[in-house]
N, C-alpha and C. Protein backbone atom coordinates (compact mmCIF):
# COMPACT_ATOMS: atom_id res chain seq x y z
N UNK A 1 -9.58 -9.47 28.62
CA UNK A 1 -8.66 -10.45 28.07
C UNK A 1 -9.22 -10.99 26.75
N UNK A 2 -8.36 -11.13 25.77
CA UNK A 2 -8.78 -11.61 24.47
C UNK A 2 -9.16 -13.08 24.51
N UNK A 3 -10.24 -13.41 23.82
CA UNK A 3 -10.70 -14.78 23.68
C UNK A 3 -9.79 -15.49 22.68
N UNK A 4 -9.02 -16.45 23.13
CA UNK A 4 -8.07 -17.17 22.27
C UNK A 4 -8.78 -18.09 21.28
N UNK A 5 -10.05 -18.41 21.51
CA UNK A 5 -10.81 -19.28 20.62
C UNK A 5 -11.61 -18.50 19.59
N UNK A 6 -11.37 -17.21 19.51
CA UNK A 6 -12.11 -16.36 18.59
C UNK A 6 -11.85 -16.77 17.14
N UNK A 7 -12.91 -16.76 16.34
CA UNK A 7 -12.78 -17.00 14.91
C UNK A 7 -13.46 -15.86 14.16
N UNK A 8 -12.77 -15.31 13.18
CA UNK A 8 -13.37 -14.29 12.32
C UNK A 8 -14.47 -14.94 11.49
N UNK A 9 -15.48 -14.16 11.11
CA UNK A 9 -16.51 -14.73 10.24
C UNK A 9 -15.90 -15.13 8.90
N UNK A 10 -16.49 -16.15 8.26
CA UNK A 10 -15.99 -16.62 6.96
C UNK A 10 -16.17 -15.55 5.89
N UNK A 11 -17.28 -14.80 5.96
CA UNK A 11 -17.52 -13.68 5.05
C UNK A 11 -18.12 -12.54 5.86
N UNK A 12 -17.95 -11.33 5.32
CA UNK A 12 -18.58 -10.16 5.94
C UNK A 12 -19.32 -9.37 4.86
N UNK A 13 -20.40 -8.72 5.24
CA UNK A 13 -21.07 -7.85 4.28
C UNK A 13 -20.33 -6.52 4.17
N UNK A 14 -20.42 -5.92 3.00
CA UNK A 14 -19.96 -4.55 2.80
C UNK A 14 -21.14 -3.82 2.17
N UNK A 15 -21.57 -2.74 2.81
CA UNK A 15 -22.75 -2.01 2.37
C UNK A 15 -22.36 -0.89 1.40
N UNK A 16 -23.08 -0.84 0.29
CA UNK A 16 -22.89 0.22 -0.69
C UNK A 16 -23.11 1.57 -0.02
N UNK A 17 -22.21 2.52 -0.28
CA UNK A 17 -22.36 3.86 0.28
C UNK A 17 -21.75 4.89 -0.67
N UNK A 18 -21.61 6.11 -0.22
CA UNK A 18 -21.04 7.19 -1.04
C UNK A 18 -19.58 7.46 -0.70
N UNK A 19 -18.95 6.58 0.05
CA UNK A 19 -17.58 6.81 0.49
C UNK A 19 -16.67 5.73 -0.09
N UNK A 20 -15.99 4.97 0.74
CA UNK A 20 -15.05 3.95 0.28
C UNK A 20 -15.72 2.78 -0.44
N UNK A 21 -17.00 2.55 -0.16
CA UNK A 21 -17.72 1.42 -0.76
C UNK A 21 -18.72 1.89 -1.81
N UNK A 22 -18.32 2.86 -2.61
CA UNK A 22 -19.22 3.41 -3.63
C UNK A 22 -19.17 2.64 -4.95
N UNK A 23 -18.18 1.78 -5.11
CA UNK A 23 -18.03 1.01 -6.34
C UNK A 23 -17.97 -0.48 -6.03
N UNK A 24 -19.08 -0.98 -5.47
CA UNK A 24 -19.20 -2.40 -5.17
C UNK A 24 -20.50 -2.91 -5.78
N UNK A 25 -20.54 -4.21 -6.06
CA UNK A 25 -21.78 -4.74 -6.60
C UNK A 25 -21.59 -6.12 -7.22
N UNK A 26 -22.46 -6.39 -8.21
CA UNK A 26 -22.48 -7.69 -8.88
C UNK A 26 -22.53 -7.50 -10.39
N UNK A 27 -21.88 -8.42 -11.07
CA UNK A 27 -21.94 -8.45 -12.53
C UNK A 27 -23.11 -9.35 -12.94
N UNK A 28 -23.48 -9.30 -14.21
CA UNK A 28 -24.61 -10.11 -14.67
C UNK A 28 -24.34 -11.61 -14.56
N UNK A 29 -23.07 -12.01 -14.55
CA UNK A 29 -22.76 -13.44 -14.41
C UNK A 29 -22.63 -13.88 -12.95
N UNK A 30 -22.96 -12.98 -12.01
CA UNK A 30 -23.00 -13.36 -10.59
C UNK A 30 -21.75 -13.05 -9.79
N UNK A 31 -20.69 -12.60 -10.47
CA UNK A 31 -19.49 -12.23 -9.71
C UNK A 31 -19.77 -10.98 -8.87
N UNK A 32 -19.11 -10.90 -7.74
CA UNK A 32 -19.14 -9.68 -6.94
C UNK A 32 -17.88 -8.89 -7.27
N UNK A 33 -17.95 -7.57 -7.11
CA UNK A 33 -16.76 -6.76 -7.39
C UNK A 33 -16.63 -5.63 -6.39
N UNK A 34 -15.41 -5.15 -6.28
CA UNK A 34 -15.10 -3.98 -5.46
C UNK A 34 -13.95 -3.23 -6.11
N UNK A 35 -14.18 -1.97 -6.42
CA UNK A 35 -13.12 -1.09 -6.93
C UNK A 35 -12.74 -0.17 -5.78
N UNK A 36 -11.46 -0.08 -5.50
CA UNK A 36 -11.02 0.67 -4.35
C UNK A 36 -9.66 1.30 -4.62
N UNK A 37 -9.22 2.18 -3.73
CA UNK A 37 -7.97 2.90 -3.91
C UNK A 37 -7.03 2.70 -2.73
N UNK A 38 -6.34 1.55 -2.67
CA UNK A 38 -5.36 1.32 -1.61
C UNK A 38 -4.17 2.27 -1.76
N UNK A 39 -3.40 2.37 -0.68
CA UNK A 39 -2.24 3.25 -0.73
C UNK A 39 -1.20 2.81 0.29
N UNK A 40 0.03 3.18 0.00
CA UNK A 40 1.12 3.04 0.96
C UNK A 40 1.52 4.47 1.32
N UNK A 41 2.44 4.65 2.24
CA UNK A 41 2.83 6.02 2.56
C UNK A 41 3.28 6.83 1.34
N UNK A 42 3.90 6.19 0.37
CA UNK A 42 4.44 6.93 -0.77
C UNK A 42 3.69 6.70 -2.08
N UNK A 43 2.98 5.58 -2.22
CA UNK A 43 2.40 5.21 -3.52
C UNK A 43 0.88 5.07 -3.46
N UNK A 44 0.26 5.34 -4.59
CA UNK A 44 -1.19 5.21 -4.72
C UNK A 44 -1.51 4.12 -5.73
N UNK A 45 -2.66 3.47 -5.56
CA UNK A 45 -3.08 2.38 -6.41
C UNK A 45 -4.58 2.46 -6.66
N UNK A 46 -5.03 1.77 -7.68
CA UNK A 46 -6.44 1.45 -7.87
C UNK A 46 -6.49 -0.06 -7.98
N UNK A 47 -7.45 -0.66 -7.28
CA UNK A 47 -7.58 -2.12 -7.32
C UNK A 47 -9.02 -2.50 -7.62
N UNK A 48 -9.17 -3.39 -8.58
CA UNK A 48 -10.47 -3.99 -8.87
C UNK A 48 -10.39 -5.45 -8.46
N UNK A 49 -11.14 -5.80 -7.43
CA UNK A 49 -11.21 -7.16 -6.95
C UNK A 49 -12.51 -7.78 -7.43
N UNK A 50 -12.46 -9.03 -7.88
CA UNK A 50 -13.68 -9.76 -8.20
C UNK A 50 -13.72 -11.01 -7.33
N UNK A 51 -14.94 -11.38 -6.95
CA UNK A 51 -15.18 -12.49 -6.04
C UNK A 51 -16.27 -13.38 -6.61
N UNK A 52 -16.25 -14.65 -6.25
CA UNK A 52 -17.34 -15.52 -6.67
C UNK A 52 -18.57 -15.24 -5.81
N UNK A 53 -19.65 -15.95 -6.08
CA UNK A 53 -20.91 -15.71 -5.36
C UNK A 53 -20.78 -15.97 -3.87
N UNK A 54 -19.85 -16.84 -3.47
CA UNK A 54 -19.63 -17.14 -2.06
C UNK A 54 -18.67 -16.20 -1.36
N UNK A 55 -18.08 -15.26 -2.11
CA UNK A 55 -17.19 -14.27 -1.51
C UNK A 55 -15.71 -14.57 -1.61
N UNK A 56 -15.32 -15.65 -2.31
CA UNK A 56 -13.90 -15.97 -2.47
C UNK A 56 -13.30 -15.13 -3.60
N UNK A 57 -12.10 -14.65 -3.38
CA UNK A 57 -11.42 -13.84 -4.39
C UNK A 57 -11.20 -14.65 -5.66
N UNK A 58 -11.58 -14.07 -6.79
CA UNK A 58 -11.32 -14.66 -8.10
C UNK A 58 -10.13 -14.01 -8.78
N UNK A 59 -10.07 -12.67 -8.70
CA UNK A 59 -9.05 -11.94 -9.44
C UNK A 59 -8.80 -10.59 -8.78
N UNK A 60 -7.60 -10.09 -8.94
CA UNK A 60 -7.23 -8.76 -8.47
C UNK A 60 -6.48 -8.06 -9.59
N UNK A 61 -7.01 -6.95 -10.04
CA UNK A 61 -6.36 -6.14 -11.07
C UNK A 61 -5.91 -4.85 -10.37
N UNK A 62 -4.62 -4.75 -10.08
CA UNK A 62 -4.08 -3.64 -9.31
C UNK A 62 -3.22 -2.78 -10.22
N UNK A 63 -3.52 -1.49 -10.25
CA UNK A 63 -2.78 -0.53 -11.07
C UNK A 63 -2.04 0.42 -10.15
N UNK A 64 -0.73 0.52 -10.32
CA UNK A 64 0.04 1.49 -9.55
C UNK A 64 -0.07 2.84 -10.23
N UNK A 65 -0.43 3.86 -9.45
CA UNK A 65 -0.61 5.20 -9.98
C UNK A 65 0.62 6.07 -9.84
N UNK A 66 1.54 5.67 -9.00
CA UNK A 66 2.75 6.46 -8.78
C UNK A 66 2.76 7.07 -7.40
N UNK A 67 3.56 8.11 -7.27
CA UNK A 67 3.69 8.79 -5.97
C UNK A 67 2.37 9.45 -5.60
N UNK A 68 1.95 9.27 -4.36
CA UNK A 68 0.65 9.77 -3.90
C UNK A 68 0.48 11.27 -4.14
N UNK A 69 1.52 12.04 -3.90
CA UNK A 69 1.40 13.50 -4.02
C UNK A 69 1.35 13.99 -5.46
N UNK A 70 1.70 13.12 -6.41
CA UNK A 70 1.74 13.57 -7.80
C UNK A 70 0.62 12.98 -8.66
N UNK A 71 -0.30 12.25 -8.06
CA UNK A 71 -1.37 11.60 -8.82
C UNK A 71 -2.44 12.62 -9.21
N UNK A 72 -2.79 12.65 -10.49
CA UNK A 72 -3.83 13.54 -10.99
C UNK A 72 -5.19 12.87 -10.86
N UNK A 73 -6.15 13.56 -10.28
CA UNK A 73 -7.49 12.99 -10.06
C UNK A 73 -8.14 12.56 -11.37
N UNK A 74 -7.93 13.30 -12.43
CA UNK A 74 -8.51 12.94 -13.73
C UNK A 74 -7.97 11.59 -14.21
N UNK A 75 -6.68 11.33 -13.97
CA UNK A 75 -6.10 10.05 -14.35
C UNK A 75 -6.71 8.91 -13.53
N UNK A 76 -6.90 9.15 -12.23
CA UNK A 76 -7.50 8.14 -11.36
C UNK A 76 -8.91 7.82 -11.84
N UNK A 77 -9.68 8.85 -12.14
CA UNK A 77 -11.05 8.64 -12.59
C UNK A 77 -11.11 7.85 -13.89
N UNK A 78 -10.20 8.12 -14.81
CA UNK A 78 -10.19 7.39 -16.08
C UNK A 78 -9.85 5.92 -15.87
N UNK A 79 -8.87 5.65 -15.04
CA UNK A 79 -8.50 4.27 -14.74
C UNK A 79 -9.66 3.54 -14.08
N UNK A 80 -10.32 4.20 -13.14
CA UNK A 80 -11.48 3.60 -12.47
C UNK A 80 -12.58 3.28 -13.48
N UNK A 81 -12.88 4.23 -14.34
CA UNK A 81 -13.92 4.00 -15.36
C UNK A 81 -13.56 2.84 -16.27
N UNK A 82 -12.30 2.76 -16.70
CA UNK A 82 -11.86 1.68 -17.58
C UNK A 82 -11.98 0.32 -16.89
N UNK A 83 -11.57 0.25 -15.62
CA UNK A 83 -11.66 -1.01 -14.89
C UNK A 83 -13.12 -1.42 -14.70
N UNK A 84 -13.97 -0.47 -14.34
CA UNK A 84 -15.39 -0.80 -14.16
C UNK A 84 -16.03 -1.21 -15.48
N UNK A 85 -15.66 -0.54 -16.58
CA UNK A 85 -16.19 -0.91 -17.89
C UNK A 85 -15.79 -2.34 -18.28
N UNK A 86 -14.63 -2.78 -17.81
CA UNK A 86 -14.17 -4.13 -18.15
C UNK A 86 -15.07 -5.22 -17.56
N UNK A 87 -15.89 -4.87 -16.59
CA UNK A 87 -16.79 -5.83 -15.97
C UNK A 87 -18.04 -6.10 -16.80
N UNK A 88 -18.33 -5.22 -17.75
CA UNK A 88 -19.58 -5.35 -18.50
C UNK A 88 -20.75 -4.83 -17.68
N UNK A 89 -21.95 -5.37 -17.96
CA UNK A 89 -23.13 -4.93 -17.23
C UNK A 89 -23.01 -5.30 -15.76
N UNK A 90 -23.41 -4.39 -14.91
CA UNK A 90 -23.26 -4.59 -13.48
C UNK A 90 -24.34 -3.83 -12.73
N UNK A 91 -24.53 -4.23 -11.47
CA UNK A 91 -25.45 -3.56 -10.56
C UNK A 91 -24.65 -3.16 -9.33
N UNK A 92 -24.81 -1.92 -8.91
CA UNK A 92 -24.16 -1.48 -7.69
C UNK A 92 -25.07 -1.87 -6.52
N UNK A 93 -24.51 -2.65 -5.58
CA UNK A 93 -25.29 -3.15 -4.46
C UNK A 93 -24.34 -3.65 -3.38
N UNK A 94 -24.90 -4.02 -2.23
CA UNK A 94 -24.12 -4.60 -1.14
C UNK A 94 -23.49 -5.91 -1.62
N UNK A 95 -22.33 -6.22 -1.04
CA UNK A 95 -21.65 -7.49 -1.35
C UNK A 95 -21.31 -8.20 -0.05
N UNK A 96 -20.86 -9.44 -0.19
CA UNK A 96 -20.43 -10.23 0.97
C UNK A 96 -19.18 -10.99 0.53
N UNK A 97 -18.05 -10.71 1.21
CA UNK A 97 -16.77 -11.29 0.80
C UNK A 97 -16.01 -11.87 1.98
N UNK A 98 -15.06 -12.74 1.67
CA UNK A 98 -14.20 -13.32 2.69
C UNK A 98 -12.84 -12.66 2.74
N UNK A 99 -12.07 -13.04 3.73
CA UNK A 99 -10.71 -12.54 3.86
C UNK A 99 -9.89 -12.99 2.65
N UNK A 100 -8.92 -12.15 2.29
CA UNK A 100 -8.00 -12.53 1.22
C UNK A 100 -6.76 -11.67 1.34
N UNK A 101 -5.66 -12.17 0.81
CA UNK A 101 -4.45 -11.36 0.72
C UNK A 101 -3.64 -11.84 -0.48
N UNK A 102 -3.06 -10.88 -1.16
CA UNK A 102 -2.18 -11.17 -2.29
C UNK A 102 -0.98 -10.24 -2.22
N UNK A 103 0.09 -10.65 -2.82
CA UNK A 103 1.30 -9.83 -2.88
C UNK A 103 1.38 -9.20 -4.26
N UNK A 104 1.61 -7.89 -4.28
CA UNK A 104 1.79 -7.17 -5.54
C UNK A 104 2.58 -5.90 -5.24
N UNK A 105 3.46 -5.54 -6.13
CA UNK A 105 4.27 -4.33 -5.96
C UNK A 105 5.02 -4.34 -4.63
N UNK A 106 5.36 -5.51 -4.13
CA UNK A 106 6.10 -5.61 -2.87
C UNK A 106 5.27 -5.35 -1.64
N UNK A 107 3.94 -5.32 -1.78
CA UNK A 107 3.03 -5.03 -0.67
C UNK A 107 1.97 -6.12 -0.56
N UNK A 108 1.34 -6.21 0.60
CA UNK A 108 0.22 -7.12 0.79
C UNK A 108 -1.07 -6.33 0.61
N UNK A 109 -1.89 -6.79 -0.34
CA UNK A 109 -3.20 -6.20 -0.60
C UNK A 109 -4.26 -7.18 -0.11
N UNK A 110 -5.35 -6.66 0.42
CA UNK A 110 -6.45 -7.54 0.77
C UNK A 110 -7.23 -7.12 1.98
N UNK A 111 -8.14 -8.00 2.38
CA UNK A 111 -8.96 -7.86 3.58
C UNK A 111 -8.35 -8.80 4.61
N UNK A 112 -7.66 -8.22 5.57
CA UNK A 112 -6.74 -8.96 6.42
C UNK A 112 -7.08 -8.76 7.89
N UNK A 113 -7.04 -9.83 8.70
CA UNK A 113 -7.24 -9.66 10.15
C UNK A 113 -6.13 -8.83 10.76
N UNK A 114 -6.49 -8.05 11.76
CA UNK A 114 -5.50 -7.30 12.53
C UNK A 114 -4.55 -8.31 13.17
N UNK A 115 -3.28 -8.03 13.11
CA UNK A 115 -2.28 -8.90 13.73
C UNK A 115 -2.56 -8.99 15.23
N UNK A 116 -2.69 -10.20 15.73
CA UNK A 116 -3.00 -10.42 17.16
C UNK A 116 -1.98 -9.74 18.07
N UNK A 117 -0.75 -9.59 17.60
CA UNK A 117 0.27 -8.93 18.42
C UNK A 117 -0.01 -7.45 18.61
N UNK A 118 -0.86 -6.90 17.73
CA UNK A 118 -1.18 -5.48 17.81
C UNK A 118 -2.44 -5.21 18.64
N UNK A 119 -3.05 -6.25 19.19
CA UNK A 119 -4.29 -6.09 19.94
C UNK A 119 -4.00 -6.23 21.42
N UNK A 120 -4.45 -5.25 22.21
CA UNK A 120 -4.36 -5.43 23.66
C UNK A 120 -5.78 -5.69 24.18
N UNK A 121 -5.91 -5.84 25.47
CA UNK A 121 -7.20 -6.27 26.03
C UNK A 121 -8.32 -5.27 25.80
N UNK A 122 -8.02 -4.01 25.50
CA UNK A 122 -9.06 -3.01 25.26
C UNK A 122 -9.42 -2.88 23.78
N UNK A 123 -8.67 -3.51 22.91
CA UNK A 123 -8.91 -3.40 21.48
C UNK A 123 -9.92 -4.44 21.00
N UNK A 124 -10.52 -4.13 19.87
CA UNK A 124 -11.41 -5.08 19.23
C UNK A 124 -10.68 -5.71 18.05
N UNK A 125 -11.04 -6.92 17.75
CA UNK A 125 -10.51 -7.55 16.55
C UNK A 125 -11.17 -6.90 15.34
N UNK A 126 -10.44 -6.82 14.26
CA UNK A 126 -10.96 -6.17 13.06
C UNK A 126 -10.42 -6.85 11.82
N UNK A 127 -11.15 -6.67 10.73
CA UNK A 127 -10.66 -7.01 9.40
C UNK A 127 -10.42 -5.68 8.70
N UNK A 128 -9.25 -5.52 8.11
CA UNK A 128 -8.87 -4.24 7.51
C UNK A 128 -8.44 -4.43 6.06
N UNK A 129 -8.79 -3.43 5.24
CA UNK A 129 -8.27 -3.42 3.86
C UNK A 129 -6.89 -2.77 3.87
N UNK A 130 -5.96 -3.47 3.21
CA UNK A 130 -4.57 -3.02 3.13
C UNK A 130 -4.11 -3.08 1.68
N UNK A 131 -3.05 -2.36 1.34
CA UNK A 131 -2.32 -1.45 2.20
C UNK A 131 -3.11 -0.17 2.47
N UNK A 132 -2.77 0.47 3.54
CA UNK A 132 -3.37 1.75 3.88
C UNK A 132 -4.38 1.70 5.01
N UNK A 133 -4.84 0.50 5.39
CA UNK A 133 -5.85 0.38 6.44
C UNK A 133 -6.92 1.45 6.27
N UNK A 134 -7.54 1.48 5.10
CA UNK A 134 -8.50 2.52 4.79
C UNK A 134 -9.95 2.13 5.06
N UNK A 135 -10.19 0.87 5.40
CA UNK A 135 -11.51 0.41 5.82
C UNK A 135 -11.29 -0.67 6.88
N UNK A 136 -11.92 -0.51 8.04
CA UNK A 136 -11.81 -1.50 9.12
C UNK A 136 -13.21 -1.94 9.53
N UNK A 137 -13.41 -3.25 9.59
CA UNK A 137 -14.70 -3.83 9.93
C UNK A 137 -14.60 -4.51 11.30
N UNK A 138 -15.63 -4.32 12.12
CA UNK A 138 -15.65 -4.83 13.48
C UNK A 138 -16.95 -5.59 13.76
N UNK A 139 -16.91 -6.40 14.82
CA UNK A 139 -18.11 -7.04 15.32
C UNK A 139 -19.14 -5.94 15.60
N UNK A 140 -20.35 -6.03 15.12
CA UNK A 140 -21.11 -7.23 14.77
C UNK A 140 -21.04 -7.61 13.29
N UNK A 141 -20.02 -7.13 12.55
CA UNK A 141 -19.82 -7.52 11.15
C UNK A 141 -21.09 -7.30 10.33
N UNK A 142 -21.60 -6.07 10.40
CA UNK A 142 -22.89 -5.74 9.77
C UNK A 142 -22.77 -4.95 8.48
N UNK A 143 -21.55 -4.81 7.97
CA UNK A 143 -21.35 -4.08 6.73
C UNK A 143 -20.88 -2.66 6.93
N UNK A 144 -20.96 -2.16 8.14
CA UNK A 144 -20.48 -0.82 8.45
C UNK A 144 -18.97 -0.90 8.70
N UNK A 145 -18.27 0.19 8.47
CA UNK A 145 -16.82 0.19 8.64
C UNK A 145 -16.34 1.56 9.14
N UNK A 146 -15.13 1.59 9.61
CA UNK A 146 -14.46 2.83 10.02
C UNK A 146 -13.34 3.10 9.03
N UNK A 147 -13.08 4.40 8.81
CA UNK A 147 -11.99 4.78 7.91
C UNK A 147 -10.87 5.42 8.71
């Protein structure tokens, strides 16, 4: 049975890796950043999120790439490079961020708790990146995730 008094952690770590968390870190002014590629069933995006030192969202720069099946990898790479260059000097490293959600392109983007209505007694609570649910974080909230 689900614990009704459960509270998600205020922030969670995300560990730098060679997969979905390969473009995370800190800028020289202390901001944290994450460049990622959210998606809906039909559309692809690139999103650059910046966070303050405490993990609160500061800004979201979301670029719509178009239909998922027609996106050219070279175009994605150029957009990613341009967004990362806009940060100035940076260090790639683990980050720690809080939940957030914003509306853009008619979709909800962010690190969002799983809807309680979608959890049964055998499920675990999770924080997921949306749209696309491409990264899910679970207790013990150690920076590891499932794709």
